[in-house]
PDB file of N, CA and C in Angstrom:
ATOM      1  N   MET A   1     111.743  75.904  71.380  1.00  0.00           N
ATOM      2  CA  MET A   1     111.356  77.162  72.362  1.00  0.00           C
ATOM      3  C   MET A   1     112.695  77.462  72.690  1.00  0.00           C
ATOM      4  N   ALA A   2     112.520  78.943  72.403  1.00  0.00           N
ATOM      5  CA  ALA A   2     114.130  79.963  73.139  1.00  0.00           C
ATOM      6  C   ALA A   2     113.744  79.912  74.599  1.00  0.00           C
ATOM      7  N   THR A   3     115.098  79.439  75.273  1.00  0.00           N
ATOM      8  CA  THR A   3     115.137  79.916  76.802  1.00  0.00           C
ATOM      9  C   THR A   3     115.167  81.654  76.504  1.00  0.00           C
ATOM     10  N   GLN A   4     114.476  81.758  78.422  1.00  0.00           N
ATOM     11  CA  GLN A   4     114.490  83.330  78.237  1.00  0.00           C
ATOM     12  C   GLN A   4     115.500  82.980  79.185  1.00  0.00           C
ATOM     13  N   LYS A   5     116.010  84.517  78.879  1.00  0.00           N
ATOM     14  CA  LYS A   5     117.238  84.895  79.869  1.00  0.00           C
ATOM     15  C   LYS A   5     116.678  85.955  80.971  1.00  0.00           C
ATOM     16  N   ALA A   6     117.602  85.814  81.935  1.00  0.00           N
ATOM     17  CA  ALA A   6     116.954  87.010  83.210  1.00  0.00           C
ATOM     18  C   ALA A   6     116.758  88.216  82.572  1.00  0.00           C
ATOM     19  N   ASN A   7     117.906  88.454  82.193  1.00  0.00           N
ATOM     20  CA  ASN A   7     117.287  90.188  81.218  1.00  0.00           C
ATOM     21  C   ASN A   7     116.664  90.822  80.175  1.00  0.00           C
ATOM     22  N   ASP A   8     115.882  89.432  79.680  1.00  0.00           N
ATOM     23  CA  ASP A   8     114.893  89.799  78.835  1.00  0.00           C
ATOM     24  C   ASP A   8     113.960  90.784  79.505  1.00  0.00           C
ATOM     25  N   ARG A   9     113.255  91.706  78.771  1.00  0.00           N
ATOM     26  CA  ARG A   9     112.352  92.950  78.984  1.00  0.00           C
ATOM     27  C   ARG A   9     111.042  92.938  77.910  1.00  0.00           C
ATOM     28  N   VAL A  10     110.096  92.992  78.595  1.00  0.00           N
ATOM     29  CA  VAL A  10     109.245  93.734  77.701  1.00  0.00           C
ATOM     30  C   VAL A  10     108.734  94.716  78.413  1.00  0.00           C
ATOM     31  N   ARG A  11     108.285  95.717  77.338  1.00  0.00           N
ATOM     32  CA  ARG A  11     107.977  97.388  77.630  1.00  0.00           C
ATOM     33  C   ARG A  11     106.260  97.016  77.626  1.00  0.00           C
ATOM     34  N   LEU A  12     105.721  97.873  78.719  1.00  0.00           N
ATOM     35  CA  LEU A  12     104.497  97.790  78.702  1.00  0.00           C
ATOM     36  C   LEU A  12     103.966  99.557  78.677  1.00  0.00           C
ATOM     37  N   SER A  13     102.909  99.733  78.384  1.00  0.00           N
ATOM     38  CA  SER A  13     102.993 101.295  78.687  1.00  0.00           C
ATOM     39  C   SER A  13     100.823 101.153  79.429  1.00  0.00           C
ATOM     40  N   LEU A  14     101.075 101.885  80.385  1.00  0.00           N
ATOM     41  CA  LEU A  14     100.092 101.498  81.471  1.00  0.00           C
ATOM     42  C   LEU A  14      99.279 103.310  81.540  1.00  0.00           C
ATOM     43  N   ASP A  15      97.814 103.062  81.256  1.00  0.00           N
ATOM     44  CA  ASP A  15      97.391 104.589  81.470  1.00  0.00           C
ATOM     45  C   ASP A  15      96.775 104.348  82.765  1.00  0.00           C
ATOM     46  N   VAL A  16      97.427 105.404  83.506  1.00  0.00           N
ATOM     47  CA  VAL A  16      96.668 105.508  85.003  1.00  0.00           C
ATOM     48  C   VAL A  16      95.735 107.278  85.000  1.00  0.00           C
ATOM     49  N   THR A  17      95.241 107.115  86.157  1.00  0.00           N
ATOM     50  CA  THR A  17      94.741 108.133  86.669  1.00  0.00           C
ATOM     51  C   THR A  17      95.747 108.769  87.458  1.00  0.00           C
ATOM     52  N   PRO A  18      95.351 110.374  87.793  1.00  0.00           N
ATOM     53  CA  PRO A  18      96.588 111.092  88.655  1.00  0.00           C
ATOM     54  C   PRO A  18      96.906 110.564  90.009  1.00  0.00           C
ATOM     55  N   LYS A  19      95.486 109.920  90.355  1.00  0.00           N
ATOM     56  CA  LYS A  19      95.661 109.773  91.845  1.00  0.00           C
ATOM     57  C   LYS A  19      96.135 108.313  91.635  1.00  0.00           C
ATOM     58  N   VAL A  20      96.074 107.399  90.787  1.00  0.00           N
ATOM     59  CA  VAL A  20      97.339 106.160  90.838  1.00  0.00           C
ATOM     60  C   VAL A  20      98.362 106.247  90.536  1.00  0.00           C
ATOM     61  N   ARG A  21      98.892 107.605  89.645  1.00  0.00           N
ATOM     62  CA  ARG A  21     100.227 108.050  89.966  1.00  0.00           C
ATOM     63  C   ARG A  21     100.555 108.273  91.225  1.00  0.00           C
ATOM     64  N   GLU A  22      99.809 108.879  91.631  1.00  0.00           N
ATOM     65  CA  GLU A  22     100.259 109.684  93.300  1.00  0.00           C
ATOM     66  C   GLU A  22     100.402 108.437  94.358  1.00  0.00           C
ATOM     67  N   GLN A  23     100.035 107.628  93.926  1.00  0.00           N
ATOM     68  CA  GLN A  23      99.765 106.295  95.026  1.00  0.00           C
ATOM     69  C   GLN A  23     101.258 105.698  94.601  1.00  0.00           C
ATOM     70  N   LEU A  24     101.252 105.413  93.322  1.00  0.00           N
ATOM     71  CA  LEU A  24     102.944 104.710  92.755  1.00  0.00           C
ATOM     72  C   LEU A  24     103.663 105.659  93.474  1.00  0.00           C
ATOM     73  N   ASP A  25     104.106 107.077  93.058  1.00  0.00           N
ATOM     74  CA  ASP A  25     105.139 107.616  93.851  1.00  0.00           C
ATOM     75  C   ASP A  25     105.225 107.751  95.282  1.00  0.00           C
ATOM     76  N   LEU A  26     104.079 107.593  95.707  1.00  0.00           N
ATOM     77  CA  LEU A  26     104.568 107.891  97.503  1.00  0.00           C
ATOM     78  C   LEU A  26     104.801 106.524  97.921  1.00  0.00           C
ATOM     79  N   LEU A  27     104.424 105.619  97.051  1.00  0.00           N
ATOM     80  CA  LEU A  27     104.702 104.030  97.648  1.00  0.00           C
ATOM     81  C   LEU A  27     106.377 103.727  97.470  1.00  0.00           C
ATOM     82  N   GLU A  28     106.562 104.556  96.559  1.00  0.00           N
ATOM     83  CA  GLU A  28     108.271 104.305  95.594  1.00  0.00           C
ATOM     84  C   GLU A  28     108.820 105.245  96.611  1.00  0.00           C
ATOM     85  N   ALA A  29     108.572 106.315  97.165  1.00  0.00           N
ATOM     86  CA  ALA A  29     109.254 106.877  98.362  1.00  0.00           C
ATOM     87  C   ALA A  29     109.595 106.210  99.312  1.00  0.00           C
ATOM     88  N   ARG A  30     108.295 105.687  99.739  1.00  0.00           N
ATOM     89  CA  ARG A  30     107.787 104.773 101.564  1.00  0.00           C
ATOM     90  C   ARG A  30     108.849 103.928 101.658  1.00  0.00           C
ATOM     91  N   THR A  31     108.877 103.477 100.037  1.00  0.00           N
ATOM     92  CA  THR A  31     109.542 101.866 100.052  1.00  0.00           C
ATOM     93  C   THR A  31     110.889 102.047  99.832  1.00  0.00           C
ATOM     94  N   GLU A  32     111.535 103.188  99.476  1.00  0.00           N
ATOM     95  CA  GLU A  32     112.914 103.631  98.585  1.00  0.00           C
ATOM     96  C   GLU A  32     113.342 102.195  97.793  1.00  0.00           C
ATOM     97  N   ALA A  33     111.863 102.533  97.028  1.00  0.00           N
ATOM     98  CA  ALA A  33     112.189 101.218  95.842  1.00  0.00           C
ATOM     99  C   ALA A  33     112.953 101.310  94.568  1.00  0.00           C
ATOM    100  N   GLY A  34     113.050 103.089  94.499  1.00  0.00           N
ATOM    101  CA  GLY A  34     114.170 102.866  93.255  1.00  0.00           C
ATOM    102  C   GLY A  34     113.568 103.572  92.158  1.00  0.00           C
ATOM    103  N   SER A  35     112.338 103.412  91.683  1.00  0.00           N
ATOM    104  CA  SER A  35     111.575 103.251  90.558  1.00  0.00           C
ATOM    105  C   SER A  35     109.959 102.530  91.032  1.00  0.00           C
ATOM    106  N   ILE A  36     109.226 103.509  90.212  1.00  0.00           N
ATOM    107  CA  ILE A  36     107.888 102.879  89.850  1.00  0.00           C
ATOM    108  C   ILE A  36     107.754 101.065  89.625  1.00  0.00           C
ATOM    109  N   THR A  37     108.712 100.728  88.604  1.00  0.00           N
ATOM    110  CA  THR A  37     108.969  99.547  88.046  1.00  0.00           C
ATOM    111  C   THR A  37     109.179  98.522  89.288  1.00  0.00           C
ATOM    112  N   GLU A  38     109.982  99.332  90.115  1.00  0.00           N
ATOM    113  CA  GLU A  38     110.083  98.180  91.354  1.00  0.00           C
ATOM    114  C   GLU A  38     108.695  98.214  92.028  1.00  0.00           C
ATOM    115  N   VAL A  39     108.716  99.374  92.646  1.00  0.00           N
ATOM    116  CA  VAL A  39     106.676  99.457  93.113  1.00  0.00           C
ATOM    117  C   VAL A  39     106.073  98.244  92.410  1.00  0.00           C
ATOM    118  N   ILE A  40     105.964  98.393  91.265  1.00  0.00           N
ATOM    119  CA  ILE A  40     105.109  97.207  90.605  1.00  0.00           C
ATOM    120  C   ILE A  40     105.554  95.843  90.803  1.00  0.00           C
ATOM    121  N   ARG A  41     106.441  95.480  90.788  1.00  0.00           N
ATOM    122  CA  ARG A  41     106.990  94.386  90.895  1.00  0.00           C
ATOM    123  C   ARG A  41     107.149  93.583  91.761  1.00  0.00           C
ATOM    124  N   ARG A  42     107.072  94.495  92.991  1.00  0.00           N
ATOM    125  CA  ARG A  42     106.847  94.045  94.665  1.00  0.00           C
ATOM    126  C   ARG A  42     105.797  94.091  94.821  1.00  0.00           C
ATOM    127  N   ALA A  43     105.016  94.591  94.141  1.00  0.00           N
ATOM    128  CA  ALA A  43     103.106  94.698  94.316  1.00  0.00           C
ATOM    129  C   ALA A  43     102.818  93.303  93.978  1.00  0.00           C
ATOM    130  N   LEU A  44     103.274  93.154  92.701  1.00  0.00           N
ATOM    131  CA  LEU A  44     103.045  91.818  92.030  1.00  0.00           C
ATOM    132  C   LEU A  44     103.135  90.604  92.438  1.00  0.00           C
ATOM    133  N   ALA A  45     104.535  90.557  93.015  1.00  0.00           N
ATOM    134  CA  ALA A  45     104.976  89.591  94.182  1.00  0.00           C
ATOM    135  C   ALA A  45     103.963  88.894  94.898  1.00  0.00           C
ATOM    136  N   LEU A  46     103.848  90.586  95.925  1.00  0.00           N
ATOM    137  CA  LEU A  46     102.767  90.256  97.000  1.00  0.00           C
ATOM    138  C   LEU A  46     101.352  89.719  96.941  1.00  0.00           C
ATOM    139  N   TYR A  47     101.075  90.198  95.546  1.00  0.00           N
ATOM    140  CA  TYR A  47      99.816  89.625  95.090  1.00  0.00           C
ATOM    141  C   TYR A  47      99.736  88.149  94.620  1.00  0.00           C
ATOM    142  N   ASP A  48     100.825  88.185  93.965  1.00  0.00           N
ATOM    143  CA  ASP A  48     101.048  86.545  93.856  1.00  0.00           C
ATOM    144  C   ASP A  48     100.747  85.743  94.974  1.00  0.00           C
ATOM    145  N   LEU A  49     101.599  85.945  96.135  1.00  0.00           N
ATOM    146  CA  LEU A  49     101.701  85.179  96.962  1.00  0.00           C
ATOM    147  C   LEU A  49     100.135  84.939  97.743  1.00  0.00           C
ATOM    148  N   VAL A  50      99.563  86.107  98.266  1.00  0.00           N
ATOM    149  CA  VAL A  50      98.664  86.195  98.521  1.00  0.00           C
ATOM    150  C   VAL A  50      97.288  85.187  97.755  1.00  0.00           C
ATOM    151  N   VAL A  51      97.111  85.472  96.560  1.00  0.00           N
ATOM    152  CA  VAL A  51      96.335  84.704  95.901  1.00  0.00           C
ATOM    153  C   VAL A  51      96.634  83.739  96.202  1.00  0.00           C
ATOM    154  N   GLU A  52      97.910  82.611  95.934  1.00  0.00           N
ATOM    155  CA  GLU A  52      98.216  81.193  95.891  1.00  0.00           C
ATOM    156  C   GLU A  52      97.975  80.661  97.588  1.00  0.00           C
ATOM    157  N   HIS A  53      98.249  81.649  98.187  1.00  0.00           N
ATOM    158  CA  HIS A  53      98.149  81.572 100.061  1.00  0.00           C
ATOM    159  C   HIS A  53      95.981  81.332 100.125  1.00  0.00           C
ATOM    160  N   GLN A  54      95.910  82.037  99.461  1.00  0.00           N
ATOM    161  CA  GLN A  54      93.993  81.972  99.667  1.00  0.00           C
ATOM    162  C   GLN A  54      93.313  80.809  98.860  1.00  0.00           C
ATOM    163  N   GLN A  55      94.488  80.482  97.896  1.00  0.00           N
ATOM    164  CA  GLN A  55      93.515  79.648  96.538  1.00  0.00           C
ATOM    165  C   GLN A  55      93.703  78.161  97.715  1.00  0.00           C
ATOM    166  N   GLU A  56      95.026  78.445  98.231  1.00  0.00           N
ATOM    167  CA  GLU A  56      95.257  76.858  99.134  1.00  0.00           C
ATOM    168  C   GLU A  56      94.737  76.590 100.610  1.00  0.00           C
ATOM    169  N   GLY A  57      93.610  77.630 100.440  1.00  0.00           N
ATOM    170  CA  GLY A  57      92.531  77.610 102.145  1.00  0.00           C
ATOM    171  C   GLY A  57      93.147  78.688 103.023  1.00  0.00           C
ATOM    172  N   GLY A  58      94.256  79.263 103.065  1.00  0.00           N
ATOM    173  CA  GLY A  58      94.878  80.210 103.959  1.00  0.00           C
ATOM    174  C   GLY A  58      94.252  81.148 104.217  1.00  0.00           C
ATOM    175  N   LYS A  59      94.092  82.084 105.135  1.00  0.00           N
ATOM    176  CA  LYS A  59      93.528  83.466 104.992  1.00  0.00           C
ATOM    177  C   LYS A  59      94.137  84.623 105.145  1.00  0.00           C
ATOM    178  N   LEU A  60      94.178  85.772 104.978  1.00  0.00           N
ATOM    179  CA  LEU A  60      95.173  86.892 105.441  1.00  0.00           C
ATOM    180  C   LEU A  60      94.157  87.648 106.482  1.00  0.00           C
ATOM    181  N   ILE A  61      95.426  87.696 107.579  1.00  0.00           N
ATOM    182  CA  ILE A  61      94.936  88.276 108.499  1.00  0.00           C
ATOM    183  C   ILE A  61      96.120  89.533 109.096  1.00  0.00           C
ATOM    184  N   PHE A  62      95.390  90.587 109.008  1.00  0.00           N
ATOM    185  CA  PHE A  62      95.789  91.614 110.060  1.00  0.00           C
ATOM    186  C   PHE A  62      96.120  92.092 110.954  1.00  0.00           C
ATOM    187  N   ARG A  63      97.127  92.077 112.172  1.00  0.00           N
ATOM    188  CA  ARG A  63      97.318  92.276 113.471  1.00  0.00           C
ATOM    189  C   ARG A  63      97.415  93.505 113.544  1.00  0.00           C
ATOM    190  N   HIS A  64      96.310  94.571 114.176  1.00  0.00           N
ATOM    191  CA  HIS A  64      96.935  95.882 114.639  1.00  0.00           C
ATOM    192  C   HIS A  64      97.720  96.115 115.859  1.00  0.00           C
ATOM    193  N   ALA A  65      98.025  97.004 115.974  1.00  0.00           N
ATOM    194  CA  ALA A  65      99.048  97.565 117.310  1.00  0.00           C
ATOM    195  C   ALA A  65      98.590  97.299 118.184  1.00  0.00           C
ATOM    196  N   ASP A  66      97.030  97.428 118.489  1.00  0.00           N
ATOM    197  CA  ASP A  66      96.411  97.386 119.307  1.00  0.00           C
ATOM    198  C   ASP A  66      96.246  95.765 119.897  1.00  0.00           C
ATOM    199  N   GLY A  67      96.962  94.867 118.927  1.00  0.00           N
ATOM    200  CA  GLY A  67      96.382  93.399 119.102  1.00  0.00           C
ATOM    201  C   GLY A  67      95.362  92.942 118.411  1.00  0.00           C
ATOM    202  N   GLU A  68      94.477  93.428 117.887  1.00  0.00           N
ATOM    203  CA  GLU A  68      92.855  93.091 117.265  1.00  0.00           C
ATOM    204  C   GLU A  68      93.288  92.799 116.356  1.00  0.00           C
ATOM    205  N   GLU A  69      93.186  91.514 115.364  1.00  0.00           N
ATOM    206  CA  GLU A  69      93.097  90.807 114.068  1.00  0.00           C
ATOM    207  C   GLU A  69      91.805  91.343 113.356  1.00  0.00           C
ATOM    208  N   GLU A  70      92.025  91.409 112.118  1.00  0.00           N
ATOM    209  CA  GLU A  70      91.168  91.478 111.003  1.00  0.00           C
ATOM    210  C   GLU A  70      91.446  90.829 109.782  1.00  0.00           C
ATOM    211  N   SER A  71      90.381  89.971 109.408  1.00  0.00           N
ATOM    212  CA  SER A  71      90.720  88.988 108.272  1.00  0.00           C
ATOM    213  C   SER A  71      90.379  89.764 107.219  1.00  0.00           C
ATOM    214  N   LEU A  72      91.306  89.439 105.970  1.00  0.00           N
ATOM    215  CA  LEU A  72      90.988  90.477 104.881  1.00  0.00           C
ATOM    216  C   LEU A  72      90.623  89.645 103.686  1.00  0.00           C
ATOM    217  N   ARG A  73      89.634  89.949 103.073  1.00  0.00           N
ATOM    218  CA  ARG A  73      89.504  88.500 102.063  1.00  0.00           C
ATOM    219  C   ARG A  73      89.709  89.774 100.478  1.00  0.00           C
ATOM    220  N   MET A  74      90.367  89.168  99.818  1.00  0.00           N
ATOM    221  CA  MET A  74      90.912  89.508  98.314  1.00  0.00           C
ATOM    222  C   MET A  74      89.988  89.101  97.215  1.00  0.00           C
ATOM    223  N   LEU A  75      90.174  87.587  97.316  1.00  0.00           N
ATOM    224  CA  LEU A  75      89.383  87.486  96.123  1.00  0.00           C
ATOM    225  C   LEU A  75      88.172  86.810  96.355  1.00  0.00           C
TER     226      LEU A  75
END
């Protein structure tokens, strides 16, 4: 089996609604990601982290500015 190089790429084509495209554009601007591809990479990395954490029995908890905590269930 051939070794994958770090710069190997696979092109994907996504069909999204205009609203999803707008969300991607807004996230790109808000996070200064540089591209929609970078937004998707970051989102995937975060989602992978959350899924792994929850599968290991952990919880995802948001702490609001007022100190109130909210448990988020994603799976």
